[in-house]
């Protein structure tokens, strides 16, 4: 079952769901909270002469890390970004990440496949941007970039997330 805005606020007040820095009232939707974009981006060099072997755990080349107040994504380009907010999810919820429809109408995909944020996750959320449109898209640090909803699990999980992205502070492959 997806949490309503009322329930999200309740669990934030008890400290079960933690989002820092604190989000403003206008960031609440009926069943989600909007998160903002950080100023860190990871881009891959498209002029490179090699293939990226994604079958291996950990990549030898994870692209260039850029810190900027804005980043332009060209048509058919893929980059990584990150939420400004750190999110802590308890062991009895999962997060569901959605792009914002106003941005999608311009051709921006905010996640390619990774829309589930596991129970027990604690960190900034890496965003997988793809420009499916015909024109470049400008992303600005601090803009509302995605919506995060929460769903209850049938019971508290025994195995909380403890993967390599736990505690993320920069976008990583």
N, C-alpha and C. Protein backbone atom coordinates (compact mmCIF):
# COMPACT_ATOMS: atom_id res chain seq x y z
N UNK A 1 0.83 -1.16 0.00
CA UNK A 1 0.00 0.00 0.00
C UNK A 1 0.89 1.24 0.00
N UNK A 2 0.55 2.20 -0.81
CA UNK A 2 1.32 3.44 -0.92
C UNK A 2 0.89 4.40 0.17
N UNK A 3 1.85 5.10 0.78
CA UNK A 3 1.55 6.05 1.83
C UNK A 3 0.99 7.34 1.25
N UNK A 4 0.04 7.94 1.97
CA UNK A 4 -0.49 9.25 1.61
C UNK A 4 0.45 10.32 2.16
N UNK A 5 0.23 11.55 1.75
CA UNK A 5 1.03 12.65 2.28
C UNK A 5 0.90 12.73 3.80
N UNK A 6 -0.28 12.46 4.32
CA UNK A 6 -0.52 12.48 5.77
C UNK A 6 0.36 11.44 6.47
N UNK A 7 0.41 10.25 5.89
CA UNK A 7 1.22 9.19 6.50
C UNK A 7 2.72 9.46 6.36
N UNK A 8 3.13 10.01 5.22
CA UNK A 8 4.55 10.36 5.05
C UNK A 8 4.96 11.36 6.12
N UNK A 9 4.14 12.38 6.34
CA UNK A 9 4.44 13.38 7.38
C UNK A 9 4.49 12.72 8.77
N UNK A 10 3.58 11.80 9.01
CA UNK A 10 3.54 11.12 10.31
C UNK A 10 4.83 10.33 10.54
N UNK A 11 5.26 9.58 9.54
CA UNK A 11 6.48 8.78 9.69
C UNK A 11 7.74 9.66 9.72
N UNK A 12 7.68 10.81 9.08
CA UNK A 12 8.80 11.75 9.19
C UNK A 12 8.85 12.34 10.61
N UNK A 13 7.68 12.61 11.18
CA UNK A 13 7.63 13.17 12.54
C UNK A 13 8.15 12.18 13.58
N UNK A 14 7.94 10.89 13.35
CA UNK A 14 8.43 9.88 14.30
C UNK A 14 9.90 9.53 14.05
N UNK A 15 10.45 9.99 12.92
CA UNK A 15 11.84 9.69 12.59
C UNK A 15 12.03 8.38 11.87
N UNK A 16 10.94 7.70 11.51
CA UNK A 16 11.05 6.45 10.75
C UNK A 16 11.52 6.73 9.32
N UNK A 17 10.97 7.77 8.71
CA UNK A 17 11.43 8.26 7.41
C UNK A 17 12.19 9.55 7.69
N UNK A 18 13.41 9.64 7.19
CA UNK A 18 14.22 10.85 7.40
C UNK A 18 14.63 11.40 6.04
N UNK A 19 14.37 12.68 5.83
CA UNK A 19 14.78 13.38 4.62
C UNK A 19 15.47 14.66 5.05
N UNK A 20 16.76 14.79 4.73
CA UNK A 20 17.50 16.00 5.10
C UNK A 20 18.27 16.54 3.89
N UNK A 21 18.35 17.85 3.71
CA UNK A 21 17.71 18.85 4.56
C UNK A 21 16.20 18.75 4.47
N UNK A 22 15.54 19.36 5.44
CA UNK A 22 14.08 19.29 5.54
C UNK A 22 13.45 19.82 4.26
N UNK A 23 12.41 19.14 3.81
CA UNK A 23 11.73 19.56 2.59
C UNK A 23 10.61 20.54 2.92
N UNK A 24 10.32 21.39 1.98
CA UNK A 24 9.30 22.42 2.17
C UNK A 24 7.91 21.86 1.90
N UNK A 25 6.92 22.54 2.41
CA UNK A 25 5.54 22.10 2.32
C UNK A 25 5.08 21.89 0.87
N UNK A 26 5.51 22.77 -0.04
CA UNK A 26 5.06 22.65 -1.44
C UNK A 26 5.66 21.44 -2.15
N UNK A 27 6.61 20.76 -1.51
CA UNK A 27 7.21 19.56 -2.10
C UNK A 27 6.37 18.31 -1.86
N UNK A 28 5.33 18.41 -1.04
CA UNK A 28 4.47 17.26 -0.79
C UNK A 28 3.39 17.18 -1.85
N UNK A 29 3.25 15.99 -2.45
CA UNK A 29 2.12 15.68 -3.30
C UNK A 29 1.14 14.86 -2.49
N UNK A 30 0.13 14.34 -3.11
CA UNK A 30 -0.87 13.55 -2.37
C UNK A 30 -0.31 12.23 -1.85
N UNK A 31 0.73 11.70 -2.53
CA UNK A 31 1.30 10.42 -2.09
C UNK A 31 2.79 10.33 -2.37
N UNK A 32 3.46 11.49 -2.34
CA UNK A 32 4.90 11.52 -2.60
C UNK A 32 5.48 12.83 -2.11
N UNK A 33 6.81 12.89 -2.12
CA UNK A 33 7.52 14.15 -1.84
C UNK A 33 8.48 14.39 -3.00
N UNK A 34 8.53 15.64 -3.43
CA UNK A 34 9.48 16.01 -4.48
C UNK A 34 10.85 16.20 -3.86
N UNK A 35 11.86 15.67 -4.53
CA UNK A 35 13.25 15.85 -4.12
C UNK A 35 13.94 16.74 -5.13
N UNK A 36 15.00 17.42 -4.67
CA UNK A 36 15.71 18.37 -5.51
C UNK A 36 17.02 17.79 -6.04
N UNK A 37 17.53 18.43 -7.06
CA UNK A 37 18.75 17.99 -7.73
C UNK A 37 19.98 18.60 -7.06
N UNK A 38 20.99 17.77 -6.83
CA UNK A 38 22.25 18.28 -6.30
C UNK A 38 23.05 18.92 -7.43
N UNK A 39 24.24 19.37 -7.12
CA UNK A 39 25.09 20.01 -8.12
C UNK A 39 26.18 19.08 -8.64
N UNK A 40 26.01 17.76 -8.44
CA UNK A 40 27.01 16.80 -8.89
C UNK A 40 26.45 15.90 -9.97
N UNK A 41 27.24 15.74 -11.03
CA UNK A 41 26.85 14.94 -12.19
C UNK A 41 28.02 14.07 -12.59
N UNK A 42 27.72 12.92 -13.14
CA UNK A 42 28.76 12.04 -13.67
C UNK A 42 28.45 11.78 -15.14
N UNK A 43 29.43 12.12 -15.99
CA UNK A 43 29.25 11.97 -17.44
C UNK A 43 30.32 11.03 -17.98
N UNK A 44 29.95 10.28 -19.00
CA UNK A 44 30.89 9.38 -19.65
C UNK A 44 31.39 10.05 -20.92
N UNK A 45 32.63 9.78 -21.25
CA UNK A 45 33.24 10.33 -22.44
C UNK A 45 32.76 9.54 -23.66
N UNK A 46 31.94 10.16 -24.48
CA UNK A 46 31.40 9.45 -25.65
C UNK A 46 32.43 9.30 -26.76
N UNK A 47 33.55 10.00 -26.67
CA UNK A 47 34.58 9.89 -27.71
C UNK A 47 35.54 8.74 -27.45
N UNK A 48 35.30 8.02 -26.39
CA UNK A 48 36.19 6.92 -26.04
C UNK A 48 36.08 5.79 -27.05
N UNK A 49 37.14 4.99 -27.16
CA UNK A 49 37.22 3.94 -28.15
C UNK A 49 36.96 2.55 -27.58
N UNK A 50 36.36 2.45 -26.42
CA UNK A 50 36.16 1.14 -25.81
C UNK A 50 34.71 0.95 -25.40
N UNK A 51 34.35 -0.29 -25.15
CA UNK A 51 33.02 -0.61 -24.68
C UNK A 51 33.02 -0.66 -23.15
N UNK A 52 31.91 -0.30 -22.57
CA UNK A 52 31.75 -0.38 -21.12
C UNK A 52 31.19 -1.76 -20.79
N UNK A 53 31.94 -2.54 -20.04
CA UNK A 53 31.52 -3.89 -19.67
C UNK A 53 30.68 -3.82 -18.41
N UNK A 54 29.35 -3.78 -18.58
CA UNK A 54 28.46 -3.63 -17.44
C UNK A 54 28.17 -4.96 -16.75
N UNK A 55 28.72 -6.05 -17.27
CA UNK A 55 28.50 -7.35 -16.62
C UNK A 55 29.39 -7.53 -15.39
N UNK A 56 30.38 -6.68 -15.23
CA UNK A 56 31.29 -6.79 -14.09
C UNK A 56 30.81 -5.93 -12.94
N UNK A 57 31.04 -6.39 -11.74
CA UNK A 57 30.69 -5.61 -10.56
C UNK A 57 31.73 -4.52 -10.41
N UNK A 58 31.31 -3.29 -10.43
CA UNK A 58 32.24 -2.17 -10.36
C UNK A 58 32.81 -1.89 -11.74
N UNK A 59 32.88 -0.66 -12.10
CA UNK A 59 33.37 -0.27 -13.41
C UNK A 59 34.75 0.32 -13.28
N UNK A 60 35.60 0.03 -14.26
CA UNK A 60 36.94 0.60 -14.24
C UNK A 60 36.88 2.09 -14.55
N UNK A 61 36.01 2.48 -15.43
CA UNK A 61 35.86 3.90 -15.77
C UNK A 61 34.44 4.31 -15.44
N UNK A 62 34.29 5.11 -14.41
CA UNK A 62 32.94 5.53 -14.05
C UNK A 62 32.66 6.97 -14.46
N UNK A 63 33.41 7.46 -15.42
CA UNK A 63 33.15 8.78 -15.97
C UNK A 63 33.74 9.91 -15.14
N UNK A 64 33.53 11.09 -15.64
CA UNK A 64 34.03 12.30 -14.97
C UNK A 64 32.98 12.84 -14.02
N UNK A 65 33.41 13.19 -12.82
CA UNK A 65 32.52 13.82 -11.85
C UNK A 65 32.60 15.32 -12.07
N UNK A 66 31.44 15.93 -12.23
CA UNK A 66 31.36 17.37 -12.47
C UNK A 66 30.53 17.99 -11.37
N UNK A 67 31.00 19.08 -10.80
CA UNK A 67 30.21 19.87 -9.86
C UNK A 67 29.88 21.18 -10.56
N UNK A 68 28.59 21.44 -10.75
CA UNK A 68 28.17 22.63 -11.50
C UNK A 68 26.76 23.01 -11.09
N UNK A 69 26.45 24.28 -11.22
CA UNK A 69 25.11 24.76 -10.89
C UNK A 69 24.09 24.35 -11.96
N UNK A 70 24.58 24.03 -13.14
CA UNK A 70 23.69 23.51 -14.18
C UNK A 70 24.46 22.56 -15.09
N UNK A 71 23.69 21.67 -15.71
CA UNK A 71 24.27 20.67 -16.61
C UNK A 71 23.33 20.52 -17.80
N UNK A 72 23.89 20.51 -18.99
CA UNK A 72 23.10 20.35 -20.21
C UNK A 72 23.19 18.91 -20.67
N UNK A 73 22.03 18.30 -20.91
CA UNK A 73 21.97 16.95 -21.46
C UNK A 73 21.54 17.06 -22.91
N UNK A 74 22.40 16.63 -23.79
CA UNK A 74 22.10 16.67 -25.22
C UNK A 74 21.11 15.56 -25.57
N UNK A 75 20.41 15.67 -26.71
CA UNK A 75 19.52 14.59 -27.13
C UNK A 75 20.26 13.25 -27.20
N UNK A 76 19.64 12.22 -26.72
CA UNK A 76 20.15 10.85 -26.68
C UNK A 76 21.36 10.69 -25.77
N UNK A 77 21.60 11.64 -24.88
CA UNK A 77 22.71 11.55 -23.94
C UNK A 77 22.22 11.00 -22.60
N UNK A 78 23.11 10.27 -21.92
CA UNK A 78 22.84 9.68 -20.61
C UNK A 78 23.86 10.20 -19.62
N UNK A 79 23.40 10.70 -18.49
CA UNK A 79 24.29 11.11 -17.41
C UNK A 79 23.69 10.69 -16.08
N UNK A 80 24.50 10.71 -15.05
CA UNK A 80 24.02 10.44 -13.71
C UNK A 80 23.97 11.74 -12.92
N UNK A 81 22.98 11.84 -12.08
CA UNK A 81 22.87 12.96 -11.15
C UNK A 81 22.54 12.39 -9.78
N UNK A 82 22.14 13.25 -8.88
CA UNK A 82 21.89 12.80 -7.52
C UNK A 82 20.94 13.77 -6.85
N UNK A 83 20.16 13.24 -5.90
CA UNK A 83 19.29 14.13 -5.14
C UNK A 83 20.12 14.96 -4.18
N UNK A 84 19.65 16.14 -3.91
CA UNK A 84 20.26 17.00 -2.90
C UNK A 84 20.01 16.41 -1.51
N UNK A 85 18.82 15.85 -1.34
CA UNK A 85 18.43 15.31 -0.04
C UNK A 85 19.02 13.93 0.22
N UNK A 86 19.35 13.69 1.46
CA UNK A 86 19.70 12.35 1.95
C UNK A 86 18.40 11.74 2.45
N UNK A 87 18.14 10.50 2.06
CA UNK A 87 16.89 9.82 2.43
C UNK A 87 17.23 8.56 3.22
N UNK A 88 16.54 8.39 4.33
CA UNK A 88 16.69 7.17 5.14
C UNK A 88 15.34 6.47 5.19
N UNK A 89 15.33 5.21 4.72
CA UNK A 89 14.09 4.44 4.63
C UNK A 89 14.15 3.30 5.65
N UNK A 90 13.11 3.13 6.45
CA UNK A 90 13.13 2.07 7.46
C UNK A 90 12.95 0.68 6.83
N UNK A 91 13.09 -0.34 7.65
CA UNK A 91 13.06 -1.73 7.17
C UNK A 91 11.65 -2.24 6.85
N UNK A 92 10.64 -1.40 7.01
CA UNK A 92 9.28 -1.85 6.70
C UNK A 92 8.65 -1.07 5.54
N UNK A 93 9.44 -0.26 4.85
CA UNK A 93 9.01 0.47 3.66
C UNK A 93 10.02 0.26 2.53
N UNK A 94 9.57 0.51 1.31
CA UNK A 94 10.47 0.74 0.18
C UNK A 94 10.10 2.10 -0.40
N UNK A 95 11.03 2.71 -1.09
CA UNK A 95 10.74 3.95 -1.79
C UNK A 95 10.50 3.64 -3.26
N UNK A 96 9.63 4.43 -3.88
CA UNK A 96 9.38 4.33 -5.32
C UNK A 96 9.64 5.69 -5.95
N UNK A 97 10.62 5.73 -6.83
CA UNK A 97 11.06 6.97 -7.45
C UNK A 97 10.35 7.16 -8.78
N UNK A 98 9.79 8.31 -8.98
CA UNK A 98 9.13 8.66 -10.23
C UNK A 98 9.70 9.97 -10.75
N UNK A 99 9.78 10.08 -12.07
CA UNK A 99 10.11 11.36 -12.66
C UNK A 99 8.91 12.28 -12.54
N UNK A 100 9.14 13.54 -12.71
CA UNK A 100 8.03 14.50 -12.68
C UNK A 100 7.48 14.62 -14.10
N UNK A 101 6.16 14.58 -14.21
CA UNK A 101 5.54 14.55 -15.54
C UNK A 101 5.86 15.80 -16.36
N UNK A 102 5.99 16.94 -15.70
CA UNK A 102 6.31 18.16 -16.44
C UNK A 102 7.67 18.06 -17.11
N UNK A 103 8.62 17.37 -16.49
CA UNK A 103 9.94 17.18 -17.08
C UNK A 103 9.91 16.10 -18.15
N UNK A 104 9.12 15.06 -17.93
CA UNK A 104 9.01 13.98 -18.91
C UNK A 104 8.43 14.49 -20.23
N UNK A 105 7.55 15.45 -20.15
CA UNK A 105 6.95 16.01 -21.38
C UNK A 105 7.98 16.73 -22.23
N UNK A 106 9.11 17.11 -21.62
CA UNK A 106 10.21 17.70 -22.37
C UNK A 106 11.21 16.68 -22.86
N UNK A 107 10.97 15.40 -22.54
CA UNK A 107 11.84 14.33 -23.02
C UNK A 107 12.80 13.78 -21.98
N UNK A 108 12.71 14.25 -20.73
CA UNK A 108 13.65 13.83 -19.70
C UNK A 108 13.16 12.59 -18.95
N UNK A 109 13.95 11.52 -19.01
CA UNK A 109 13.73 10.35 -18.16
C UNK A 109 14.64 10.50 -16.95
N UNK A 110 14.11 10.30 -15.76
CA UNK A 110 14.86 10.50 -14.52
C UNK A 110 15.46 9.20 -14.01
N UNK A 111 14.87 8.09 -14.36
CA UNK A 111 15.44 6.79 -14.03
C UNK A 111 15.21 5.84 -15.18
N UNK A 112 16.21 5.03 -15.46
CA UNK A 112 16.09 4.08 -16.56
C UNK A 112 15.43 2.80 -16.08
N UNK A 113 15.91 2.23 -14.99
CA UNK A 113 15.30 1.02 -14.43
C UNK A 113 15.27 1.04 -12.91
N UNK A 114 16.08 1.87 -12.30
CA UNK A 114 16.26 1.81 -10.84
C UNK A 114 15.28 2.74 -10.12
N UNK A 115 14.02 2.35 -10.08
CA UNK A 115 13.04 3.21 -9.42
C UNK A 115 12.69 2.73 -8.01
N UNK A 116 13.11 1.54 -7.63
CA UNK A 116 12.85 1.05 -6.28
C UNK A 116 14.03 1.36 -5.37
N UNK A 117 13.74 2.01 -4.25
CA UNK A 117 14.75 2.32 -3.25
C UNK A 117 14.51 1.34 -2.11
N UNK A 118 15.47 0.46 -1.87
CA UNK A 118 15.29 -0.66 -0.95
C UNK A 118 15.10 -0.24 0.50
N UNK A 119 14.41 -1.11 1.23
CA UNK A 119 14.24 -0.95 2.67
C UNK A 119 15.62 -0.87 3.32
N UNK A 120 15.79 0.08 4.23
CA UNK A 120 17.06 0.24 4.92
C UNK A 120 18.05 1.14 4.21
N UNK A 121 17.70 1.66 3.02
CA UNK A 121 18.62 2.54 2.31
C UNK A 121 18.80 3.84 3.07
N UNK A 122 20.02 4.36 3.04
CA UNK A 122 20.32 5.63 3.69
C UNK A 122 21.39 6.34 2.85
N UNK A 123 21.02 7.41 2.18
CA UNK A 123 21.96 8.16 1.37
C UNK A 123 21.24 9.03 0.37
N UNK A 124 22.02 9.69 -0.47
CA UNK A 124 21.44 10.42 -1.59
C UNK A 124 21.08 9.41 -2.66
N UNK A 125 20.09 9.72 -3.45
CA UNK A 125 19.62 8.79 -4.47
C UNK A 125 20.23 9.18 -5.82
N UNK A 126 20.91 8.22 -6.45
CA UNK A 126 21.47 8.46 -7.78
C UNK A 126 20.34 8.43 -8.80
N UNK A 127 20.36 9.39 -9.70
CA UNK A 127 19.35 9.53 -10.74
C UNK A 127 19.98 9.24 -12.09
N UNK A 128 19.27 8.52 -12.93
CA UNK A 128 19.76 8.09 -14.24
C UNK A 128 19.04 8.90 -15.32
N UNK A 129 19.66 9.98 -15.76
CA UNK A 129 19.02 10.89 -16.71
C UNK A 129 19.27 10.46 -18.15
N UNK A 130 18.21 10.51 -18.95
CA UNK A 130 18.31 10.28 -20.37
C UNK A 130 17.45 11.30 -21.08
N UNK A 131 18.01 11.96 -22.07
CA UNK A 131 17.27 12.93 -22.86
C UNK A 131 16.73 12.22 -24.10
N UNK A 132 15.44 11.92 -24.08
CA UNK A 132 14.78 11.27 -25.21
C UNK A 132 14.19 12.29 -26.18
N UNK A 133 14.38 13.56 -25.89
CA UNK A 133 13.82 14.61 -26.73
C UNK A 133 14.74 15.02 -27.86
N UNK A 134 14.27 15.99 -28.63
CA UNK A 134 15.02 16.47 -29.80
C UNK A 134 15.90 17.67 -29.49
N UNK A 135 15.72 18.28 -28.30
CA UNK A 135 16.49 19.47 -27.94
C UNK A 135 17.27 19.24 -26.65
N UNK A 136 18.36 19.96 -26.46
CA UNK A 136 19.09 19.85 -25.19
C UNK A 136 18.21 20.27 -24.01
N UNK A 137 18.47 19.68 -22.86
CA UNK A 137 17.73 19.97 -21.64
C UNK A 137 18.72 20.49 -20.60
N UNK A 138 18.36 21.59 -19.96
CA UNK A 138 19.20 22.15 -18.91
C UNK A 138 18.67 21.70 -17.56
N UNK A 139 19.54 21.09 -16.77
CA UNK A 139 19.20 20.72 -15.40
C UNK A 139 19.91 21.70 -14.48
N UNK A 140 19.19 22.22 -13.49
CA UNK A 140 19.77 23.19 -12.57
C UNK A 140 19.75 22.64 -11.15
N UNK A 141 20.87 22.78 -10.47
CA UNK A 141 20.97 22.36 -9.08
C UNK A 141 19.87 23.05 -8.28
N UNK A 142 19.22 22.29 -7.41
CA UNK A 142 18.17 22.83 -6.57
C UNK A 142 16.77 22.69 -7.14
N UNK A 143 16.66 22.36 -8.44
CA UNK A 143 15.32 22.21 -9.02
C UNK A 143 14.65 20.94 -8.51
N UNK A 144 13.32 20.97 -8.43
CA UNK A 144 12.58 19.76 -8.07
C UNK A 144 12.67 18.81 -9.25
N UNK A 145 13.23 17.61 -9.01
CA UNK A 145 13.61 16.74 -10.11
C UNK A 145 12.86 15.41 -10.14
N UNK A 146 12.42 14.92 -8.97
CA UNK A 146 11.75 13.62 -8.93
C UNK A 146 10.79 13.58 -7.76
N UNK A 147 9.92 12.60 -7.77
CA UNK A 147 8.97 12.38 -6.68
C UNK A 147 9.27 11.03 -6.05
N UNK A 148 9.32 11.00 -4.73
CA UNK A 148 9.56 9.76 -4.00
C UNK A 148 8.33 9.40 -3.20
N UNK A 149 7.77 8.22 -3.50
CA UNK A 149 6.66 7.69 -2.73
C UNK A 149 7.16 6.55 -1.87
N UNK A 150 6.34 6.11 -0.94
CA UNK A 150 6.72 5.04 -0.03
C UNK A 150 5.62 3.99 -0.02
N UNK A 151 6.04 2.72 -0.02
CA UNK A 151 5.10 1.61 0.05
C UNK A 151 5.45 0.73 1.23
N UNK A 152 4.41 0.25 1.91
CA UNK A 152 4.63 -0.62 3.06
C UNK A 152 4.91 -2.03 2.58
N UNK A 153 5.79 -2.71 3.28
CA UNK A 153 6.03 -4.13 3.03
C UNK A 153 5.05 -4.95 3.85
N UNK A 154 4.81 -6.18 3.44
CA UNK A 154 3.86 -7.03 4.18
C UNK A 154 4.34 -7.31 5.59
N UNK A 155 5.64 -7.26 5.80
CA UNK A 155 6.23 -7.36 7.14
C UNK A 155 7.60 -6.71 7.08
N UNK A 156 8.16 -6.44 8.23
CA UNK A 156 9.50 -5.85 8.27
C UNK A 156 10.48 -6.84 7.65
N UNK A 157 11.39 -6.35 6.82
CA UNK A 157 12.31 -7.27 6.15
C UNK A 157 13.45 -7.66 7.08
N UNK A 158 13.98 -8.86 6.87
CA UNK A 158 15.14 -9.35 7.63
C UNK A 158 16.43 -8.84 7.03
N UNK A 159 16.42 -8.60 5.74
CA UNK A 159 17.65 -8.24 5.03
C UNK A 159 17.51 -6.83 4.45
N UNK A 160 17.95 -5.84 5.21
CA UNK A 160 17.88 -4.46 4.72
C UNK A 160 19.01 -4.23 3.73
N UNK A 161 18.88 -3.18 2.95
CA UNK A 161 19.87 -2.85 1.93
C UNK A 161 21.22 -2.60 2.59
N UNK A 162 22.23 -3.25 2.07
CA UNK A 162 23.60 -3.06 2.55
C UNK A 162 24.57 -3.09 1.38
N UNK A 163 24.10 -2.68 0.21
CA UNK A 163 24.91 -2.74 -1.00
C UNK A 163 25.91 -1.61 -1.10
N UNK A 164 26.58 -1.57 -2.23
CA UNK A 164 27.69 -0.63 -2.41
C UNK A 164 27.26 0.82 -2.53
N UNK A 165 25.98 1.08 -2.72
CA UNK A 165 25.51 2.46 -2.84
C UNK A 165 25.01 3.02 -1.51
N UNK A 166 25.01 2.20 -0.45
CA UNK A 166 24.57 2.68 0.86
C UNK A 166 25.45 3.85 1.28
N UNK A 167 24.83 4.92 1.72
CA UNK A 167 25.58 6.09 2.16
C UNK A 167 26.10 6.96 1.02
N UNK A 168 25.58 6.79 -0.18
CA UNK A 168 26.07 7.53 -1.35
C UNK A 168 26.06 9.04 -1.11
N UNK A 169 27.15 9.68 -1.53
CA UNK A 169 27.23 11.13 -1.46
C UNK A 169 27.58 11.74 -2.83
N UNK A 170 28.03 10.89 -3.77
CA UNK A 170 28.27 11.33 -5.14
C UNK A 170 27.66 10.29 -6.09
N UNK A 171 27.24 10.71 -7.29
CA UNK A 171 26.68 9.74 -8.24
C UNK A 171 27.75 8.76 -8.70
N UNK A 172 27.49 7.48 -8.52
CA UNK A 172 28.48 6.46 -8.85
C UNK A 172 27.86 5.38 -9.72
N UNK A 173 28.67 4.86 -10.63
CA UNK A 173 28.23 3.73 -11.45
C UNK A 173 28.29 2.46 -10.63
